[in-house]
Amino acid sequence: MKKITSLLALALIPSLAWAHPGHDGVGLFHHMFDLLPIVAAVILVAGIYIWKKKQ
């Protein structure tokens, strides 16, 4: 549990920074909504690949 908590804390540290001027978002991931369809497609394809590989 301690390792998971440490990894989670390290993963969230970049989100503490303010976005560059011209954006209302907070953190380094303020462009995530622009990339979300691509990320979702990659996750879906990887999930299908792993599922097919196990069968």
Protein backbone atom coordinates (compact mmCIF):
# COMPACT_ATOMS: atom_id res chain seq x y z
CA MET A 1 0.00 0.00 0.00
CA LYS A 2 2.87 2.35 0.78
CA LYS A 3 4.33 1.80 -2.70
CA ILE A 4 0.99 2.53 -4.38
CA THR A 5 0.57 5.71 -2.37
CA SER A 6 4.07 6.86 -3.32
CA LEU A 7 3.50 6.14 -7.02
CA LEU A 8 0.17 7.95 -6.95
CA ALA A 9 1.75 10.99 -5.31
CA LEU A 10 4.53 11.07 -7.91
CA ALA A 11 2.00 10.76 -10.73
CA LEU A 12 0.00 13.73 -9.44
CA ILE A 13 2.94 16.10 -8.88
CA PRO A 14 2.91 17.42 -12.50
CA SER A 15 -0.73 18.43 -12.12
CA LEU A 16 0.26 20.94 -9.44
CA ALA A 17 1.88 23.30 -11.95
CA TRP A 18 -0.14 26.10 -13.58
CA ALA A 19 -0.84 25.93 -17.29
CA HIS A 20 0.94 28.32 -19.62
CA PRO A 21 -0.70 31.72 -20.25
CA GLY A 22 -3.80 31.70 -22.39
CA HIS A 23 -5.29 28.60 -20.78
CA ASP A 24 -7.64 28.24 -17.86
CA GLY A 25 -6.46 24.71 -17.12
CA VAL A 26 -4.24 23.72 -14.25
CA GLY A 27 -1.32 21.37 -14.64
CA LEU A 28 0.75 19.88 -17.39
CA PHE A 29 -2.20 17.80 -18.60
CA HIS A 30 -4.48 20.72 -19.53
CA HIS A 31 -4.38 19.55 -23.15
CA MET A 32 -5.71 16.12 -22.20
CA PHE A 33 -9.20 16.87 -23.55
CA ASP A 34 -7.65 17.53 -26.97
CA LEU A 35 -5.88 14.16 -26.88
CA LEU A 36 -8.61 12.16 -25.16
CA PRO A 37 -10.06 10.51 -28.32
CA ILE A 38 -6.61 9.29 -29.37
CA VAL A 39 -5.78 8.03 -25.87
CA ALA A 40 -9.13 6.23 -25.65
CA ALA A 41 -8.54 4.57 -29.03
CA VAL A 42 -5.08 3.37 -27.98
CA ILE A 43 -6.45 1.96 -24.72
CA LEU A 44 -9.27 0.21 -26.59
CA VAL A 45 -6.94 -1.34 -29.19
CA ALA A 46 -4.48 -2.45 -26.49
CA GLY A 47 -7.31 -4.00 -24.47
CA ILE A 48 -8.63 -5.91 -27.48
CA TYR A 49 -5.11 -7.08 -28.35
CA ILE A 50 -4.49 -8.37 -24.83
CA TRP A 51 -7.91 -10.03 -24.71
CA LYS A 52 -7.34 -11.79 -28.07
CA LYS A 53 -3.83 -12.84 -27.03
CA LYS A 54 -5.13 -14.56 -23.87
CA GLN A 55 -7.71 -16.59 -25.78
